[in-house]
């Protein structure tokens, strides 16, 4: 890079150990994964980039490793906050901890809020109709998972925004009939047209993995629908033309991604800060004797 180049280091440790969704199941493994946050801090100390950005689940802020990470950013001006994605125009209720840091000059994360939240209807209603296990001929990513006969019956009995408690007893899973399973109401649900979608996870293509049922059609959402809800461009190509579509691997890519629109907003903050710092240097240069 030339002398006038600015450097940015963007990254984060896996979010799953800090998430309330999976934290208890991963307790034994968590400490090893948490150390990756400190490892990111060590890289920053060695590389000394002009800018740093990271994102993770909000629960990270409650851990000592995050406070340690902030101390490792000695010499940087830092701003971090919990961002509600549906408040910045992304059609899902995804909460993220977002941090930006600069070596020179105060930096503030600029995330303009929208007046009206984006909805599932606005995001995906216009996509071609497909069936469970089917694909759109003009867009291979618009593919949904197959459903067993029992799950076809279940989704037909599901109401948008409802739970499996709406089903007749004969359709309820054995685990939900137990006392310990009665609190897990956020699975086997349909999305609602006129509200944001739930958080897209790595298994967002599965009807039984959360509230990932299509609001109207009797299927789980397709990979394309999940990607749109994550604010990817509507024709974004995740694989080369003609390559097979893997629900598992692409679902992981889509669910783990920083929503594209959020990434753009973070980038705009960094570009704006760099621009203001450049103008500040120019003014100082003109004032110099």
C-alpha atoms as a PDB file:
ATOM      1  CA  UNK A   1       0.000   0.000   0.000  1.00  0.00           C
ATOM      2  CA  UNK A   2       1.066   3.582  -0.585  1.00  0.00           C
ATOM      3  CA  UNK A   3       1.615   6.112   2.150  1.00  0.00           C
ATOM      4  CA  UNK A   4      -1.863   7.570   1.800  1.00  0.00           C
ATOM      5  CA  UNK A   5      -3.592   4.227   2.223  1.00  0.00           C
ATOM      6  CA  UNK A   6      -5.758   3.550   5.269  1.00  0.00           C
ATOM      7  CA  UNK A   7      -5.975   0.109   6.805  1.00  0.00           C
ATOM      8  CA  UNK A   8      -9.060  -1.591   8.212  1.00  0.00           C
ATOM      9  CA  UNK A   9      -9.236  -4.807  10.200  1.00  0.00           C
ATOM     10  CA  UNK A  10     -12.724  -6.318  10.379  1.00  0.00           C
ATOM     11  CA  UNK A  11     -13.522  -9.553  12.111  1.00  0.00           C
ATOM     12  CA  UNK A  12     -15.044 -11.372  15.032  1.00  0.00           C
ATOM     13  CA  UNK A  13     -15.038 -14.615  16.938  1.00  0.00           C
ATOM     14  CA  UNK A  14     -17.901 -17.091  16.372  1.00  0.00           C
ATOM     15  CA  UNK A  15     -21.068 -15.747  17.965  1.00  0.00           C
ATOM     16  CA  UNK A  16     -22.624 -19.080  18.987  1.00  0.00           C
ATOM     17  CA  UNK A  17     -20.877 -19.402  22.406  1.00  0.00           C
ATOM     18  CA  UNK A  18     -22.316 -16.063  23.525  1.00  0.00           C
ATOM     19  CA  UNK A  19     -25.808 -16.548  22.131  1.00  0.00           C
ATOM     20  CA  UNK A  20     -28.593 -17.354  24.584  1.00  0.00           C
ATOM     21  CA  UNK A  21     -29.952 -19.695  21.916  1.00  0.00           C
ATOM     22  CA  UNK A  22     -27.063 -22.136  22.244  1.00  0.00           C
ATOM     23  CA  UNK A  23     -24.991 -21.013  25.226  1.00  0.00           C
ATOM     24  CA  UNK A  24     -26.095 -23.732  27.674  1.00  0.00           C
ATOM     25  CA  UNK A  25     -25.517 -26.496  25.137  1.00  0.00           C
ATOM     26  CA  UNK A  26     -22.034 -25.196  24.398  1.00  0.00           C
ATOM     27  CA  UNK A  27     -20.904 -24.426  27.934  1.00  0.00           C
ATOM     28  CA  UNK A  28     -18.080 -26.951  27.887  1.00  0.00           C
ATOM     29  CA  UNK A  29     -16.736 -25.664  24.564  1.00  0.00           C
ATOM     30  CA  UNK A  30     -17.340 -21.985  25.163  1.00  0.00           C
ATOM     31  CA  UNK A  31     -14.115 -21.023  26.893  1.00  0.00           C
ATOM     32  CA  UNK A  32     -12.003 -22.113  23.933  1.00  0.00           C
ATOM     33  CA  UNK A  33     -14.163 -20.109  21.549  1.00  0.00           C
ATOM     34  CA  UNK A  34     -14.214 -17.060  23.824  1.00  0.00           C
ATOM     35  CA  UNK A  35     -10.423 -16.902  23.575  1.00  0.00           C
ATOM     36  CA  UNK A  36     -10.801 -16.033  19.887  1.00  0.00           C
ATOM     37  CA  UNK A  37     -12.066 -12.591  20.912  1.00  0.00           C
ATOM     38  CA  UNK A  38      -8.760 -11.989  22.698  1.00  0.00           C
ATOM     39  CA  UNK A  39      -6.905 -13.453  19.710  1.00  0.00           C
ATOM     40  CA  UNK A  40      -8.558 -10.820  17.505  1.00  0.00           C
ATOM     41  CA  UNK A  41      -7.350  -8.194  19.958  1.00  0.00           C
ATOM     42  CA  UNK A  42      -3.797  -9.539  19.742  1.00  0.00           C
ATOM     43  CA  UNK A  43      -3.892  -9.269  15.955  1.00  0.00           C
ATOM     44  CA  UNK A  44      -5.005  -5.648  16.253  1.00  0.00           C
ATOM     45  CA  UNK A  45      -2.115  -4.894  18.641  1.00  0.00           C
ATOM     46  CA  UNK A  46       0.392  -6.363  16.181  1.00  0.00           C
ATOM     47  CA  UNK A  47      -1.048  -4.957  12.944  1.00  0.00           C
ATOM     48  CA  UNK A  48      -2.123  -1.549  14.322  1.00  0.00           C
ATOM     49  CA  UNK A  49      -4.690  -0.810  11.589  1.00  0.00           C
ATOM     50  CA  UNK A  50      -6.139   2.676  11.242  1.00  0.00           C
ATOM     51  CA  UNK A  51      -9.646   1.291  11.764  1.00  0.00           C
ATOM     52  CA  UNK A  52     -11.204  -1.710  13.478  1.00  0.00           C
ATOM     53  CA  UNK A  53     -14.738  -3.038  13.305  1.00  0.00           C
ATOM     54  CA  UNK A  54     -16.377  -6.124  14.748  1.00  0.00           C
ATOM     55  CA  UNK A  55     -19.885  -7.427  15.378  1.00  0.00           C
ATOM     56  CA  UNK A  56     -21.350 -10.156  17.535  1.00  0.00           C
ATOM     57  CA  UNK A  57     -24.436 -11.015  19.537  1.00  0.00           C
ATOM     58  CA  UNK A  58     -25.409  -8.544  22.292  1.00  0.00           C
ATOM     59  CA  UNK A  59     -24.666 -11.117  25.005  1.00  0.00           C
ATOM     60  CA  UNK A  60     -20.941 -10.692  24.326  1.00  0.00           C
ATOM     61  CA  UNK A  61     -21.079  -7.376  26.213  1.00  0.00           C
ATOM     62  CA  UNK A  62     -21.838  -9.263  29.435  1.00  0.00           C
ATOM     63  CA  UNK A  63     -18.641 -11.307  29.304  1.00  0.00           C
ATOM     64  CA  UNK A  64     -15.284 -10.436  30.810  1.00  0.00           C
ATOM     65  CA  UNK A  65     -13.599 -11.272  27.526  1.00  0.00           C
ATOM     66  CA  UNK A  66     -15.279  -8.251  25.902  1.00  0.00           C
ATOM     67  CA  UNK A  67     -14.059  -5.892  28.618  1.00  0.00           C
ATOM     68  CA  UNK A  68     -10.576  -7.360  28.135  1.00  0.00           C
ATOM     69  CA  UNK A  69     -10.902  -6.801  24.390  1.00  0.00           C
ATOM     70  CA  UNK A  70     -11.773  -3.132  24.926  1.00  0.00           C
ATOM     71  CA  UNK A  71      -8.632  -2.721  27.052  1.00  0.00           C
ATOM     72  CA  UNK A  72      -6.596  -4.250  24.231  1.00  0.00           C
ATOM     73  CA  UNK A  73      -7.713  -1.374  21.987  1.00  0.00           C
ATOM     74  CA  UNK A  74      -5.478   1.041  23.891  1.00  0.00           C
ATOM     75  CA  UNK A  75      -4.714   4.062  21.717  1.00  0.00           C
ATOM     76  CA  UNK A  76      -7.981   3.795  19.764  1.00  0.00           C
ATOM     77  CA  UNK A  77     -11.114   5.904  20.004  1.00  0.00           C
ATOM     78  CA  UNK A  78     -13.991   3.437  20.333  1.00  0.00           C
ATOM     79  CA  UNK A  79     -17.734   3.465  19.870  1.00  0.00           C
ATOM     80  CA  UNK A  80     -19.977   0.429  20.232  1.00  0.00           C
ATOM     81  CA  UNK A  81     -23.689  -0.130  20.604  1.00  0.00           C
ATOM     82  CA  UNK A  82     -26.425  -2.721  20.359  1.00  0.00           C
ATOM     83  CA  UNK A  83     -28.119  -2.361  16.982  1.00  0.00           C
ATOM     84  CA  UNK A  84     -31.668  -3.520  16.290  1.00  0.00           C
ATOM     85  CA  UNK A  85     -31.618  -4.467  12.620  1.00  0.00           C
ATOM     86  CA  UNK A  86     -35.324  -3.833  12.088  1.00  0.00           C
ATOM     87  CA  UNK A  87     -34.745  -0.210  13.136  1.00  0.00           C
ATOM     88  CA  UNK A  88     -32.274   0.397  10.305  1.00  0.00           C
ATOM     89  CA  UNK A  89     -34.369  -1.026   7.466  1.00  0.00           C
ATOM     90  CA  UNK A  90     -33.532  -4.740   7.610  1.00  0.00           C
ATOM     91  CA  UNK A  91     -36.667  -6.945   7.664  1.00  0.00           C
ATOM     92  CA  UNK A  92     -35.726  -9.082  10.660  1.00  0.00           C
ATOM     93  CA  UNK A  93     -35.566  -8.774  14.447  1.00  0.00           C
ATOM     94  CA  UNK A  94     -31.816  -9.288  14.712  1.00  0.00           C
ATOM     95  CA  UNK A  95     -29.895  -7.625  17.538  1.00  0.00           C
ATOM     96  CA  UNK A  96     -26.144  -7.181  17.108  1.00  0.00           C
ATOM     97  CA  UNK A  97     -23.315  -5.645  19.056  1.00  0.00           C
ATOM     98  CA  UNK A  98     -21.400  -3.446  16.611  1.00  0.00           C
ATOM     99  CA  UNK A  99     -18.048  -1.813  17.383  1.00  0.00           C
ATOM    100  CA  UNK A 100     -15.962   0.669  15.421  1.00  0.00           C
ATOM    101  CA  UNK A 101     -12.592   2.084  16.468  1.00  0.00           C
ATOM    102  CA  UNK A 102     -10.172   4.627  14.984  1.00  0.00           C
ATOM    103  CA  UNK A 103      -6.571   5.427  15.832  1.00  0.00           C
ATOM    104  CA  UNK A 104      -7.092   9.134  15.165  1.00  0.00           C
ATOM    105  CA  UNK A 105     -10.098  11.289  15.951  1.00  0.00           C
ATOM    106  CA  UNK A 106     -13.392  10.605  17.704  1.00  0.00           C
ATOM    107  CA  UNK A 107     -15.577   8.103  15.874  1.00  0.00           C
ATOM    108  CA  UNK A 108     -19.307   7.558  16.277  1.00  0.00           C
ATOM    109  CA  UNK A 109     -21.320   4.754  14.745  1.00  0.00           C
ATOM    110  CA  UNK A 110     -23.915   6.415  12.519  1.00  0.00           C
ATOM    111  CA  UNK A 111     -26.998   4.289  12.008  1.00  0.00           C
ATOM    112  CA  UNK A 112     -30.025   6.308  10.872  1.00  0.00           C
ATOM    113  CA  UNK A 113     -33.316   4.796  12.015  1.00  0.00           C
ATOM    114  CA  UNK A 114     -36.148   4.212   9.581  1.00  0.00           C
ATOM    115  CA  UNK A 115     -39.614   5.593  10.298  1.00  0.00           C
ATOM    116  CA  UNK A 116     -41.356   2.341   9.459  1.00  0.00           C
ATOM    117  CA  UNK A 117     -39.909  -1.137   9.881  1.00  0.00           C
ATOM    118  CA  UNK A 118     -39.478  -3.315   6.810  1.00  0.00           C
ATOM    119  CA  UNK A 119     -41.719  -6.382   6.703  1.00  0.00           C
ATOM    120  CA  UNK A 120     -41.639  -9.929   5.405  1.00  0.00           C
ATOM    121  CA  UNK A 121     -44.298  -8.982   2.861  1.00  0.00           C
ATOM    122  CA  UNK A 122     -42.165  -6.170   1.410  1.00  0.00           C
ATOM    123  CA  UNK A 123     -39.145  -8.461   1.282  1.00  0.00           C
ATOM    124  CA  UNK A 124     -40.405 -11.686  -0.280  1.00  0.00           C
ATOM    125  CA  UNK A 125     -44.094 -11.565  -1.284  1.00  0.00           C
ATOM    126  CA  UNK A 126     -43.277 -11.050  -4.973  1.00  0.00           C
ATOM    127  CA  UNK A 127     -41.127 -14.171  -5.311  1.00  0.00           C
ATOM    128  CA  UNK A 128     -42.513 -17.029  -7.453  1.00  0.00           C
ATOM    129  CA  UNK A 129     -44.575 -19.627  -5.652  1.00  0.00           C
ATOM    130  CA  UNK A 130     -42.832 -22.954  -4.951  1.00  0.00           C
ATOM    131  CA  UNK A 131     -43.742 -26.075  -2.985  1.00  0.00           C
ATOM    132  CA  UNK A 132     -41.877 -27.793  -0.158  1.00  0.00           C
ATOM    133  CA  UNK A 133     -38.799 -29.419  -1.681  1.00  0.00           C
ATOM    134  CA  UNK A 134     -39.285 -27.453  -4.885  1.00  0.00           C
ATOM    135  CA  UNK A 135     -37.160 -24.928  -6.768  1.00  0.00           C
ATOM    136  CA  UNK A 136     -37.730 -21.983  -9.059  1.00  0.00           C
ATOM    137  CA  UNK A 137     -36.496 -22.709 -12.583  1.00  0.00           C
ATOM    138  CA  UNK A 138     -35.230 -19.144 -13.054  1.00  0.00           C
ATOM    139  CA  UNK A 139     -33.487 -18.947  -9.665  1.00  0.00           C
ATOM    140  CA  UNK A 140     -31.955 -22.147  -8.225  1.00  0.00           C
ATOM    141  CA  UNK A 141     -31.402 -20.454  -4.853  1.00  0.00           C
ATOM    142  CA  UNK A 142     -35.161 -20.097  -4.515  1.00  0.00           C
ATOM    143  CA  UNK A 143     -35.295 -23.658  -3.215  1.00  0.00           C
ATOM    144  CA  UNK A 144     -37.067 -24.917  -0.106  1.00  0.00           C
ATOM    145  CA  UNK A 145     -36.418 -27.979   2.007  1.00  0.00           C
ATOM    146  CA  UNK A 146     -38.563 -31.065   1.710  1.00  0.00           C
ATOM    147  CA  UNK A 147     -41.082 -31.714   4.474  1.00  0.00           C
ATOM    148  CA  UNK A 148     -42.179 -35.058   5.853  1.00  0.00           C
ATOM    149  CA  UNK A 149     -45.888 -35.823   5.668  1.00  0.00           C
ATOM    150  CA  UNK A 150     -46.338 -35.032   9.374  1.00  0.00           C
ATOM    151  CA  UNK A 151     -44.700 -31.636   8.920  1.00  0.00           C
ATOM    152  CA  UNK A 152     -46.909 -30.854   5.926  1.00  0.00           C
ATOM    153  CA  UNK A 153     -49.890 -31.451   8.212  1.00  0.00           C
ATOM    154  CA  UNK A 154     -48.275 -29.314  10.909  1.00  0.00           C
ATOM    155  CA  UNK A 155     -47.573 -26.328   8.702  1.00  0.00           C
ATOM    156  CA  UNK A 156     -51.099 -26.468   7.302  1.00  0.00           C
ATOM    157  CA  UNK A 157     -52.333 -26.228  10.893  1.00  0.00           C
ATOM    158  CA  UNK A 158     -49.967 -23.341  11.695  1.00  0.00           C
ATOM    159  CA  UNK A 159     -51.076 -19.714  11.864  1.00  0.00           C
ATOM    160  CA  UNK A 160     -48.790 -16.777  10.981  1.00  0.00           C
ATOM    161  CA  UNK A 161     -47.304 -15.638  14.282  1.00  0.00           C
ATOM    162  CA  UNK A 162     -48.798 -18.650  16.092  1.00  0.00           C
ATOM    163  CA  UNK A 163     -47.151 -21.654  17.729  1.00  0.00           C
ATOM    164  CA  UNK A 164     -47.432 -25.423  17.754  1.00  0.00           C
ATOM    165  CA  UNK A 165     -49.985 -24.955  20.540  1.00  0.00           C
ATOM    166  CA  UNK A 166     -52.445 -24.076  17.763  1.00  0.00           C
ATOM    167  CA  UNK A 167     -52.210 -27.623  16.414  1.00  0.00           C
ATOM    168  CA  UNK A 168     -54.476 -30.502  17.362  1.00  0.00           C
ATOM    169  CA  UNK A 169     -52.858 -32.700  19.995  1.00  0.00           C
ATOM    170  CA  UNK A 170     -52.277 -35.482  17.466  1.00  0.00           C
ATOM    171  CA  UNK A 171     -49.779 -33.327  15.547  1.00  0.00           C
ATOM    172  CA  UNK A 172     -47.701 -32.198  18.506  1.00  0.00           C
ATOM    173  CA  UNK A 173     -44.192 -33.596  18.834  1.00  0.00           C
ATOM    174  CA  UNK A 174     -43.605 -35.960  21.777  1.00  0.00           C
ATOM    175  CA  UNK A 175     -41.091 -33.523  23.308  1.00  0.00           C
ATOM    176  CA  UNK A 176     -43.708 -30.753  23.369  1.00  0.00           C
ATOM    177  CA  UNK A 177     -46.135 -32.950  25.262  1.00  0.00           C
ATOM    178  CA  UNK A 178     -43.657 -33.158  28.130  1.00  0.00           C
ATOM    179  CA  UNK A 179     -43.583 -30.502  30.818  1.00  0.00           C
ATOM    180  CA  UNK A 180     -39.990 -29.585  29.915  1.00  0.00           C
ATOM    181  CA  UNK A 181     -40.883 -28.941  26.279  1.00  0.00           C
ATOM    182  CA  UNK A 182     -43.916 -26.747  26.725  1.00  0.00           C
ATOM    183  CA  UNK A 183     -41.916 -23.519  26.912  1.00  0.00           C
ATOM    184  CA  UNK A 184     -40.302 -23.987  23.500  1.00  0.00           C
ATOM    185  CA  UNK A 185     -42.954 -22.170  21.492  1.00  0.00           C
ATOM    186  CA  UNK A 186     -40.619 -20.531  18.952  1.00  0.00           C
ATOM    187  CA  UNK A 187     -40.265 -23.576  16.700  1.00  0.00           C
ATOM    188  CA  UNK A 188     -42.555 -24.876  13.958  1.00  0.00           C
ATOM    189  CA  UNK A 189     -43.989 -21.417  13.391  1.00  0.00           C
ATOM    190  CA  UNK A 190     -44.965 -19.306  10.419  1.00  0.00           C
ATOM    191  CA  UNK A 191     -43.683 -15.787   9.848  1.00  0.00           C
ATOM    192  CA  UNK A 192     -46.132 -12.884   9.715  1.00  0.00           C
ATOM    193  CA  UNK A 193     -46.489 -10.870   6.510  1.00  0.00           C
ATOM    194  CA  UNK A 194     -46.641  -7.449   8.086  1.00  0.00           C
ATOM    195  CA  UNK A 195     -43.903  -7.775  10.678  1.00  0.00           C
ATOM    196  CA  UNK A 196     -40.126  -8.250  10.431  1.00  0.00           C
ATOM    197  CA  UNK A 197     -38.897 -11.840  10.235  1.00  0.00           C
ATOM    198  CA  UNK A 198     -37.197 -13.533  13.186  1.00  0.00           C
ATOM    199  CA  UNK A 199     -33.405 -13.669  13.288  1.00  0.00           C
ATOM    200  CA  UNK A 200     -32.018 -15.707  10.409  1.00  0.00           C
ATOM    201  CA  UNK A 201     -29.908 -18.549  11.804  1.00  0.00           C
ATOM    202  CA  UNK A 202     -27.713 -21.122  10.092  1.00  0.00           C
ATOM    203  CA  UNK A 203     -30.763 -23.427   9.972  1.00  0.00           C
ATOM    204  CA  UNK A 204     -33.269 -20.823   8.822  1.00  0.00           C
ATOM    205  CA  UNK A 205     -34.354 -23.002   5.905  1.00  0.00           C
ATOM    206  CA  UNK A 206     -35.886 -25.584   8.276  1.00  0.00           C
ATOM    207  CA  UNK A 207     -39.543 -25.279   9.288  1.00  0.00           C
ATOM    208  CA  UNK A 208     -38.860 -27.062  12.593  1.00  0.00           C
ATOM    209  CA  UNK A 209     -35.839 -24.937  13.527  1.00  0.00           C
ATOM    210  CA  UNK A 210     -37.683 -21.752  14.436  1.00  0.00           C
ATOM    211  CA  UNK A 211     -40.378 -19.449  13.105  1.00  0.00           C
ATOM    212  CA  UNK A 212     -39.218 -20.092   9.555  1.00  0.00           C
ATOM    213  CA  UNK A 213     -42.458 -21.225   7.931  1.00  0.00           C
ATOM    214  CA  UNK A 214     -43.606 -19.178   4.949  1.00  0.00           C
ATOM    215  CA  UNK A 215     -46.536 -16.903   5.901  1.00  0.00           C
ATOM    216  CA  UNK A 216     -48.840 -18.363   3.251  1.00  0.00           C
ATOM    217  CA  UNK A 217     -47.272 -21.265   1.380  1.00  0.00           C
ATOM    218  CA  UNK A 218     -46.997 -24.660   3.094  1.00  0.00           C
ATOM    219  CA  UNK A 219     -43.212 -24.822   3.310  1.00  0.00           C
ATOM    220  CA  UNK A 220     -40.186 -23.397   5.039  1.00  0.00           C
ATOM    221  CA  UNK A 221     -38.628 -20.296   3.548  1.00  0.00           C
ATOM    222  CA  UNK A 222     -36.235 -20.770   0.660  1.00  0.00           C
ATOM    223  CA  UNK A 223     -32.542 -19.932   0.685  1.00  0.00           C
ATOM    224  CA  UNK A 224     -33.269 -16.944  -1.561  1.00  0.00           C
ATOM    225  CA  UNK A 225     -35.909 -15.665   0.825  1.00  0.00           C
ATOM    226  CA  UNK A 226     -33.521 -16.029   3.763  1.00  0.00           C
ATOM    227  CA  UNK A 227     -30.818 -14.164   1.822  1.00  0.00           C
ATOM    228  CA  UNK A 228     -33.204 -11.318   0.957  1.00  0.00           C
ATOM    229  CA  UNK A 229     -34.234 -11.056   4.601  1.00  0.00           C
ATOM    230  CA  UNK A 230     -30.505 -10.795   5.365  1.00  0.00           C
ATOM    231  CA  UNK A 231     -30.517  -7.877   2.860  1.00  0.00           C
ATOM    232  CA  UNK A 232     -28.362  -9.558   0.216  1.00  0.00           C
ATOM    233  CA  UNK A 233     -29.012  -8.291  -3.331  1.00  0.00           C
ATOM    234  CA  UNK A 234     -31.994 -10.123  -4.773  1.00  0.00           C
ATOM    235  CA  UNK A 235     -29.951 -11.887  -7.461  1.00  0.00           C
ATOM    236  CA  UNK A 236     -26.771 -12.437  -5.452  1.00  0.00           C
ATOM    237  CA  UNK A 237     -25.030 -15.587  -6.715  1.00  0.00           C
ATOM    238  CA  UNK A 238     -23.716 -17.733  -3.876  1.00  0.00           C
ATOM    239  CA  UNK A 239     -22.558 -20.484  -6.238  1.00  0.00           C
ATOM    240  CA  UNK A 240     -21.427 -20.677  -9.845  1.00  0.00           C
ATOM    241  CA  UNK A 241     -24.083 -21.276 -12.456  1.00  0.00           C
ATOM    242  CA  UNK A 242     -24.854 -24.972 -12.658  1.00  0.00           C
ATOM    243  CA  UNK A 243     -23.227 -25.880  -9.318  1.00  0.00           C
ATOM    244  CA  UNK A 244     -25.367 -27.878  -6.861  1.00  0.00           C
ATOM    245  CA  UNK A 245     -27.308 -26.076  -4.139  1.00  0.00           C
ATOM    246  CA  UNK A 246     -26.452 -27.299  -0.642  1.00  0.00           C
ATOM    247  CA  UNK A 247     -29.090 -26.261   1.877  1.00  0.00           C
ATOM    248  CA  UNK A 248     -26.760 -26.890   4.808  1.00  0.00           C
ATOM    249  CA  UNK A 249     -23.662 -25.062   3.564  1.00  0.00           C
ATOM    250  CA  UNK A 250     -25.532 -22.118   2.039  1.00  0.00           C
ATOM    251  CA  UNK A 251     -27.807 -21.878   5.056  1.00  0.00           C
ATOM    252  CA  UNK A 252     -24.686 -21.562   7.208  1.00  0.00           C
ATOM    253  CA  UNK A 253     -23.271 -18.814   4.972  1.00  0.00           C
ATOM    254  CA  UNK A 254     -26.528 -16.863   4.963  1.00  0.00           C
ATOM    255  CA  UNK A 255     -27.295 -17.249   8.658  1.00  0.00           C
ATOM    256  CA  UNK A 256     -23.774 -16.372   9.815  1.00  0.00           C
ATOM    257  CA  UNK A 257     -23.478 -13.320   7.572  1.00  0.00           C
ATOM    258  CA  UNK A 258     -23.554  -9.753   8.794  1.00  0.00           C
ATOM    259  CA  UNK A 259     -26.704  -8.358   7.138  1.00  0.00           C
ATOM    260  CA  UNK A 260     -25.467  -6.591   4.029  1.00  0.00           C
ATOM    261  CA  UNK A 261     -27.310  -3.361   4.766  1.00  0.00           C
ATOM    262  CA  UNK A 262     -25.794  -3.237   8.260  1.00  0.00           C
ATOM    263  CA  UNK A 263     -22.352  -3.785   6.742  1.00  0.00           C
ATOM    264  CA  UNK A 264     -22.938  -0.882   4.360  1.00  0.00           C
ATOM    265  CA  UNK A 265     -23.942   1.379   7.243  1.00  0.00           C
ATOM    266  CA  UNK A 266     -20.824   0.426   9.178  1.00  0.00           C
ATOM    267  CA  UNK A 267     -18.737   1.074   6.072  1.00  0.00           C
ATOM    268  CA  UNK A 268     -20.370   4.473   5.611  1.00  0.00           C
ATOM    269  CA  UNK A 269     -19.381   5.393   9.179  1.00  0.00           C
ATOM    270  CA  UNK A 270     -15.755   4.514   8.462  1.00  0.00           C
ATOM    271  CA  UNK A 271     -15.679   6.326   5.124  1.00  0.00           C
ATOM    272  CA  UNK A 272     -17.259   9.418   6.657  1.00  0.00           C
ATOM    273  CA  UNK A 273     -14.732   9.443   9.485  1.00  0.00           C
ATOM    274  CA  UNK A 274     -11.805   9.036   7.078  1.00  0.00           C
ATOM    275  CA  UNK A 275     -13.150  11.879   4.919  1.00  0.00           C
ATOM    276  CA  UNK A 276     -13.485  14.212   7.900  1.00  0.00           C
ATOM    277  CA  UNK A 277      -9.981  13.356   9.105  1.00  0.00           C
ATOM    278  CA  UNK A 278      -8.570  14.073   5.633  1.00  0.00           C
ATOM    279  CA  UNK A 279     -10.296  17.460   5.508  1.00  0.00           C
ATOM    280  CA  UNK A 280      -9.011  18.214   8.992  1.00  0.00           C
ATOM    281  CA  UNK A 281      -5.428  17.483   7.907  1.00  0.00           C
ATOM    282  CA  UNK A 282      -5.821  19.680   4.838  1.00  0.00           C
ATOM    283  CA  UNK A 283      -7.062  22.596   6.927  1.00  0.00           C
ATOM    284  CA  UNK A 284      -4.179  22.146   9.351  1.00  0.00           C
ATOM    285  CA  UNK A 285      -1.754  22.107   6.418  1.00  0.00           C
ATOM    286  CA  UNK A 286      -3.103  25.397   5.071  1.00  0.00           C
ATOM    287  CA  UNK A 287      -2.720  27.021   8.472  1.00  0.00           C
ATOM    288  CA  UNK A 288       0.886  25.894   8.864  1.00  0.00           C
ATOM    289  CA  UNK A 289       3.514  28.645   8.180  1.00  0.00           C
END
